[in-house]
PDB file of all heavy atoms in Angstrom:
ATOM      1  N   PHE A   1       0.827  -1.213   0.000  1.00  0.00           N
ATOM      2  CA  PHE A   1       0.000   0.000   0.000  1.00  0.00           C
ATOM      3  C   PHE A   1       0.862   1.265   0.000  1.00  0.00           C
ATOM      4  O   PHE A   1       0.519   2.255  -0.663  1.00  0.00           O
ATOM      5  CB  PHE A   1      -0.937   0.005   1.208  1.00  0.00           C
ATOM      6  CG  PHE A   1      -1.819   1.212   1.282  1.00  0.00           C
ATOM      7  CD1 PHE A   1      -2.964   1.305   0.508  1.00  0.00           C
ATOM      8  CD2 PHE A   1      -1.513   2.273   2.126  1.00  0.00           C
ATOM      9  CE1 PHE A   1      -3.780   2.426   0.565  1.00  0.00           C
ATOM     10  CE2 PHE A   1      -2.318   3.397   2.192  1.00  0.00           C
ATOM     11  CZ  PHE A   1      -3.460   3.473   1.416  1.00  0.00           C
ATOM     12  N   ASP A   2       1.972   1.251   0.739  1.00  0.00           N
ATOM     13  CA  ASP A   2       2.847   2.430   0.788  1.00  0.00           C
ATOM     14  C   ASP A   2       3.419   2.746  -0.593  1.00  0.00           C
ATOM     15  O   ASP A   2       3.555   3.916  -0.967  1.00  0.00           O
ATOM     16  CB  ASP A   2       3.986   2.203   1.782  1.00  0.00           C
ATOM     17  CG  ASP A   2       3.486   2.093   3.225  1.00  0.00           C
ATOM     18  OD1 ASP A   2       2.426   2.673   3.528  1.00  0.00           O
ATOM     19  OD2 ASP A   2       4.146   1.417   4.040  1.00  0.00           O
ATOM     20  N   LEU A   3       3.765   1.707  -1.355  1.00  0.00           N
ATOM     21  CA  LEU A   3       4.270   1.919  -2.714  1.00  0.00           C
ATOM     22  C   LEU A   3       3.181   2.497  -3.603  1.00  0.00           C
ATOM     23  O   LEU A   3       3.443   3.362  -4.443  1.00  0.00           O
ATOM     24  CB  LEU A   3       4.778   0.597  -3.303  1.00  0.00           C
ATOM     25  CG  LEU A   3       5.890  -0.133  -2.553  1.00  0.00           C
ATOM     26  CD1 LEU A   3       6.326  -1.357  -3.352  1.00  0.00           C
ATOM     27  CD2 LEU A   3       7.071   0.785  -2.296  1.00  0.00           C
ATOM     28  N   PHE A   4       1.961   2.005  -3.428  1.00  0.00           N
ATOM     29  CA  PHE A   4       0.841   2.489  -4.233  1.00  0.00           C
ATOM     30  C   PHE A   4       0.557   3.967  -3.943  1.00  0.00           C
ATOM     31  O   PHE A   4       0.289   4.737  -4.861  1.00  0.00           O
ATOM     32  CB  PHE A   4      -0.406   1.652  -3.964  1.00  0.00           C
ATOM     33  CG  PHE A   4      -0.387   0.295  -4.627  1.00  0.00           C
ATOM     34  CD1 PHE A   4      -1.411  -0.603  -4.430  1.00  0.00           C
ATOM     35  CD2 PHE A   4       0.659  -0.091  -5.444  1.00  0.00           C
ATOM     36  CE1 PHE A   4      -1.415  -1.847  -5.049  1.00  0.00           C
ATOM     37  CE2 PHE A   4       0.684  -1.333  -6.068  1.00  0.00           C
ATOM     38  CZ  PHE A   4      -0.365  -2.206  -5.857  1.00  0.00           C
ATOM     39  N   GLU A   5       0.607   4.333  -2.660  1.00  0.00           N
ATOM     40  CA  GLU A   5       0.376   5.742  -2.299  1.00  0.00           C
ATOM     41  C   GLU A   5       1.417   6.653  -2.944  1.00  0.00           C
ATOM     42  O   GLU A   5       1.111   7.782  -3.352  1.00  0.00           O
ATOM     43  CB  GLU A   5       0.431   5.906  -0.784  1.00  0.00           C
ATOM     44  CG  GLU A   5      -0.882   5.677  -0.084  1.00  0.00           C
ATOM     45  CD  GLU A   5      -0.900   6.240   1.317  1.00  0.00           C
ATOM     46  OE1 GLU A   5       0.113   6.078   2.032  1.00  0.00           O
ATOM     47  OE2 GLU A   5      -1.913   6.839   1.706  1.00  0.00           O
ATOM     48  N   GLN A   6       2.634   6.151  -3.055  1.00  0.00           N
ATOM     49  CA  GLN A   6       3.719   6.939  -3.646  1.00  0.00           C
ATOM     50  C   GLN A   6       3.536   7.113  -5.148  1.00  0.00           C
ATOM     51  O   GLN A   6       3.967   8.121  -5.721  1.00  0.00           O
ATOM     52  CB  GLN A   6       5.063   6.256  -3.356  1.00  0.00           C
ATOM     53  CG  GLN A   6       6.283   7.047  -3.797  1.00  0.00           C
ATOM     54  CD  GLN A   6       7.572   6.307  -3.504  1.00  0.00           C
ATOM     55  OE1 GLN A   6       7.654   5.090  -3.661  1.00  0.00           O
ATOM     56  NE2 GLN A   6       8.593   7.032  -3.073  1.00  0.00           N
ATOM     57  N   SER A   7       2.874   6.150  -5.782  1.00  0.00           N
ATOM     58  CA  SER A   7       2.809   6.157  -7.242  1.00  0.00           C
ATOM     59  C   SER A   7       1.542   6.796  -7.816  1.00  0.00           C
ATOM     60  O   SER A   7       1.490   7.069  -9.011  1.00  0.00           O
ATOM     61  CB  SER A   7       2.916   4.729  -7.787  1.00  0.00           C
ATOM     62  OG  SER A   7       1.795   3.962  -7.396  1.00  0.00           O
ATOM     63  N   GLY A   8       0.532   7.016  -6.985  1.00  0.00           N
ATOM     64  CA  GLY A   8      -0.678   7.591  -7.570  1.00  0.00           C
ATOM     65  C   GLY A   8      -1.844   7.743  -6.621  1.00  0.00           C
ATOM     66  O   GLY A   8      -1.683   7.828  -5.401  1.00  0.00           O
ATOM     67  N   GLN A   9      -3.035   7.743  -7.196  1.00  0.00           N
ATOM     68  CA  GLN A   9      -4.290   7.965  -6.473  1.00  0.00           C
ATOM     69  C   GLN A   9      -4.993   6.627  -6.236  1.00  0.00           C
ATOM     70  O   GLN A   9      -5.113   5.815  -7.146  1.00  0.00           O
ATOM     71  CB  GLN A   9      -5.189   8.887  -7.305  1.00  0.00           C
ATOM     72  CG  GLN A   9      -6.585   9.116  -6.762  1.00  0.00           C
ATOM     73  CD  GLN A   9      -7.466   9.847  -7.760  1.00  0.00           C
ATOM     74  OE1 GLN A   9      -7.153   9.910  -8.964  1.00  0.00           O
ATOM     75  NE2 GLN A   9      -8.559  10.406  -7.290  1.00  0.00           N
ATOM     76  N   ILE A  10      -5.458   6.407  -5.019  1.00  0.00           N
ATOM     77  CA  ILE A  10      -6.158   5.176  -4.677  1.00  0.00           C
ATOM     78  C   ILE A  10      -7.643   5.470  -4.519  1.00  0.00           C
ATOM     79  O   ILE A  10      -8.037   6.342  -3.736  1.00  0.00           O
ATOM     80  CB  ILE A  10      -5.577   4.545  -3.400  1.00  0.00           C
ATOM     81  CG1 ILE A  10      -4.120   4.148  -3.646  1.00  0.00           C
ATOM     82  CG2 ILE A  10      -6.409   3.326  -2.976  1.00  0.00           C
ATOM     83  CD1 ILE A  10      -3.405   3.637  -2.423  1.00  0.00           C
ATOM     84  N   ILE A  11      -8.458   4.748  -5.280  1.00  0.00           N
ATOM     85  CA  ILE A  11      -9.901   4.965  -5.315  1.00  0.00           C
ATOM     86  C   ILE A  11     -10.607   3.729  -4.773  1.00  0.00           C
ATOM     87  O   ILE A  11     -10.374   2.614  -5.252  1.00  0.00           O
ATOM     88  CB  ILE A  11     -10.381   5.248  -6.749  1.00  0.00           C
ATOM     89  CG1 ILE A  11      -9.657   6.470  -7.322  1.00  0.00           C
ATOM     90  CG2 ILE A  11     -11.895   5.453  -6.789  1.00  0.00           C
ATOM     91  CD1 ILE A  11      -9.890   6.670  -8.805  1.00  0.00           C
ATOM     92  N   SER A  12     -11.457   3.915  -3.793  1.00  0.00           N
ATOM     93  CA  SER A  12     -12.214   2.804  -3.209  1.00  0.00           C
ATOM     94  C   SER A  12     -13.485   2.573  -4.024  1.00  0.00           C
ATOM     95  O   SER A  12     -14.187   3.520  -4.374  1.00  0.00           O
ATOM     96  CB  SER A  12     -12.574   3.132  -1.759  1.00  0.00           C
ATOM     97  OG  SER A  12     -13.400   2.123  -1.206  1.00  0.00           O
ATOM     98  N   ILE A  13     -13.777   1.295  -4.339  1.00  0.00           N
ATOM     99  CA  ILE A  13     -14.980   0.968  -5.109  1.00  0.00           C
ATOM    100  C   ILE A  13     -15.693  -0.222  -4.470  1.00  0.00           C
ATOM    101  O   ILE A  13     -15.107  -0.981  -3.696  1.00  0.00           O
ATOM    102  CB  ILE A  13     -14.644   0.620  -6.579  1.00  0.00           C
ATOM    103  CG1 ILE A  13     -13.731  -0.623  -6.646  1.00  0.00           C
ATOM    104  CG2 ILE A  13     -14.010   1.815  -7.287  1.00  0.00           C
ATOM    105  CD1 ILE A  13     -13.518  -1.143  -8.057  1.00  0.00           C
ATOM    106  N   ASN A  14     -16.955  -0.381  -4.812  1.00  0.00           N
ATOM    107  CA  ASN A  14     -17.739  -1.533  -4.387  1.00  0.00           C
ATOM    108  C   ASN A  14     -17.933  -2.471  -5.574  1.00  0.00           C
ATOM    109  O   ASN A  14     -18.388  -2.059  -6.631  1.00  0.00           O
ATOM    110  CB  ASN A  14     -19.104  -1.086  -3.855  1.00  0.00           C
ATOM    111  CG  ASN A  14     -19.989  -2.274  -3.496  1.00  0.00           C
ATOM    112  OD1 ASN A  14     -19.650  -3.073  -2.641  1.00  0.00           O
ATOM    113  ND2 ASN A  14     -21.115  -2.392  -4.181  1.00  0.00           N
ATOM    114  N   CYS A  15     -17.561  -3.735  -5.379  1.00  0.00           N
ATOM    115  CA  CYS A  15     -17.722  -4.728  -6.448  1.00  0.00           C
ATOM    116  C   CYS A  15     -18.552  -5.884  -5.904  1.00  0.00           C
ATOM    117  O   CYS A  15     -18.035  -6.749  -5.171  1.00  0.00           O
ATOM    118  CB  CYS A  15     -16.363  -5.213  -6.932  1.00  0.00           C
ATOM    119  SG  CYS A  15     -16.458  -6.416  -8.279  1.00  0.00           S
ATOM    120  N   SER A  16     -19.823  -5.881  -6.221  1.00  0.00           N
ATOM    121  CA  SER A  16     -20.749  -6.944  -5.786  1.00  0.00           C
ATOM    122  C   SER A  16     -20.676  -7.167  -4.281  1.00  0.00           C
ATOM    123  O   SER A  16     -20.647  -8.302  -3.792  1.00  0.00           O
ATOM    124  CB  SER A  16     -20.454  -8.246  -6.537  1.00  0.00           C
ATOM    125  OG  SER A  16     -20.556  -8.062  -7.927  1.00  0.00           O
ATOM    126  N   GLY A  17     -20.598  -6.077  -3.525  1.00  0.00           N
ATOM    127  CA  GLY A  17     -20.576  -6.154  -2.070  1.00  0.00           C
ATOM    128  C   GLY A  17     -19.201  -6.249  -1.452  1.00  0.00           C
ATOM    129  O   GLY A  17     -19.063  -6.194  -0.228  1.00  0.00           O
ATOM    130  N   GLU A  18     -18.169  -6.393  -2.269  1.00  0.00           N
ATOM    131  CA  GLU A  18     -16.799  -6.471  -1.756  1.00  0.00           C
ATOM    132  C   GLU A  18     -16.071  -5.165  -1.993  1.00  0.00           C
ATOM    133  O   GLU A  18     -16.197  -4.550  -3.058  1.00  0.00           O
ATOM    134  CB  GLU A  18     -16.032  -7.606  -2.436  1.00  0.00           C
ATOM    135  CG  GLU A  18     -14.599  -7.749  -1.942  1.00  0.00           C
ATOM    136  CD  GLU A  18     -13.830  -8.862  -2.639  1.00  0.00           C
ATOM    137  OE1 GLU A  18     -14.411  -9.502  -3.542  1.00  0.00           O
ATOM    138  OE2 GLU A  18     -12.652  -9.088  -2.292  1.00  0.00           O
ATOM    139  N   ARG A  19     -15.309  -4.720  -0.987  1.00  0.00           N
ATOM    140  CA  ARG A  19     -14.528  -3.495  -1.125  1.00  0.00           C
ATOM    141  C   ARG A  19     -13.241  -3.786  -1.891  1.00  0.00           C
ATOM    142  O   ARG A  19     -12.421  -4.604  -1.492  1.00  0.00           O
ATOM    143  CB  ARG A  19     -14.182  -2.948   0.258  1.00  0.00           C
ATOM    144  CG  ARG A  19     -13.377  -1.646   0.255  1.00  0.00           C
ATOM    145  CD  ARG A  19     -14.136  -0.530  -0.417  1.00  0.00           C
ATOM    146  NE  ARG A  19     -15.455  -0.315   0.195  1.00  0.00           N
ATOM    147  CZ  ARG A  19     -16.421   0.408  -0.357  1.00  0.00           C
ATOM    148  NH1 ARG A  19     -16.229   0.970  -1.545  1.00  0.00           N
ATOM    149  NH2 ARG A  19     -17.574   0.551   0.254  1.00  0.00           N
ATOM    150  N   LEU A  20     -13.085  -3.140  -3.035  1.00  0.00           N
ATOM    151  CA  LEU A  20     -11.862  -3.219  -3.821  1.00  0.00           C
ATOM    152  C   LEU A  20     -11.302  -1.811  -4.000  1.00  0.00           C
ATOM    153  O   LEU A  20     -11.951  -0.821  -3.650  1.00  0.00           O
ATOM    154  CB  LEU A  20     -12.138  -3.858  -5.188  1.00  0.00           C
ATOM    155  CG  LEU A  20     -12.622  -5.306  -5.205  1.00  0.00           C
ATOM    156  CD1 LEU A  20     -12.864  -5.764  -6.643  1.00  0.00           C
ATOM    157  CD2 LEU A  20     -11.651  -6.241  -4.511  1.00  0.00           C
ATOM    158  N   TYR A  21     -10.112  -1.752  -4.567  1.00  0.00           N
ATOM    159  CA  TYR A  21      -9.436  -0.467  -4.727  1.00  0.00           C
ATOM    160  C   TYR A  21      -8.794  -0.382  -6.107  1.00  0.00           C
ATOM    161  O   TYR A  21      -8.273  -1.369  -6.620  1.00  0.00           O
ATOM    162  CB  TYR A  21      -8.364  -0.284  -3.648  1.00  0.00           C
ATOM    163  CG  TYR A  21      -8.894  -0.426  -2.248  1.00  0.00           C
ATOM    164  CD1 TYR A  21      -8.934  -1.677  -1.630  1.00  0.00           C
ATOM    165  CD2 TYR A  21      -9.384   0.674  -1.551  1.00  0.00           C
ATOM    166  CE1 TYR A  21      -9.443  -1.824  -0.354  1.00  0.00           C
ATOM    167  CE2 TYR A  21      -9.890   0.535  -0.264  1.00  0.00           C
ATOM    168  CZ  TYR A  21      -9.920  -0.716   0.331  1.00  0.00           C
ATOM    169  OH  TYR A  21     -10.435  -0.858   1.598  1.00  0.00           O
ATOM    170  N   ILE A  22      -8.829   0.818  -6.668  1.00  0.00           N
ATOM    171  CA  ILE A  22      -8.180   1.085  -7.954  1.00  0.00           C
ATOM    172  C   ILE A  22      -6.962   1.959  -7.714  1.00  0.00           C
ATOM    173  O   ILE A  22      -7.051   2.989  -7.036  1.00  0.00           O
ATOM    174  CB  ILE A  22      -9.132   1.803  -8.927  1.00  0.00           C
ATOM    175  CG1 ILE A  22     -10.348   0.946  -9.247  1.00  0.00           C
ATOM    176  CG2 ILE A  22      -8.406   2.171 -10.229  1.00  0.00           C
ATOM    177  CD1 ILE A  22     -11.393   1.656 -10.099  1.00  0.00           C
ATOM    178  N   LEU A  23      -5.823   1.533  -8.243  1.00  0.00           N
ATOM    179  CA  LEU A  23      -4.646   2.397  -8.236  1.00  0.00           C
ATOM    180  C   LEU A  23      -4.576   3.124  -9.573  1.00  0.00           C
ATOM    181  O   LEU A  23      -4.326   2.515 -10.612  1.00  0.00           O
ATOM    182  CB  LEU A  23      -3.365   1.585  -8.023  1.00  0.00           C
ATOM    183  CG  LEU A  23      -2.057   2.386  -8.207  1.00  0.00           C
ATOM    184  CD1 LEU A  23      -1.976   3.541  -7.214  1.00  0.00           C
ATOM    185  CD2 LEU A  23      -0.842   1.481  -8.088  1.00  0.00           C
ATOM    186  N   ASN A  24      -4.816   4.421  -9.529  1.00  0.00           N
ATOM    187  CA  ASN A  24      -4.681   5.284 -10.693  1.00  0.00           C
ATOM    188  C   ASN A  24      -3.252   5.817 -10.701  1.00  0.00           C
ATOM    189  O   ASN A  24      -2.910   6.736  -9.951  1.00  0.00           O
ATOM    190  CB  ASN A  24      -5.693   6.432 -10.603  1.00  0.00           C
ATOM    191  CG  ASN A  24      -5.556   7.429 -11.736  1.00  0.00           C
ATOM    192  OD1 ASN A  24      -5.026   7.113 -12.793  1.00  0.00           O
ATOM    193  ND2 ASN A  24      -6.029   8.645 -11.519  1.00  0.00           N
TER     194      ASN A  24
END
């Protein structure tokens, strides 16, 4: 997660009731 925060924007989404995340 720390590497992802350094590289871009993290967007939280709902996928059929499960919390997933998009790294932009």
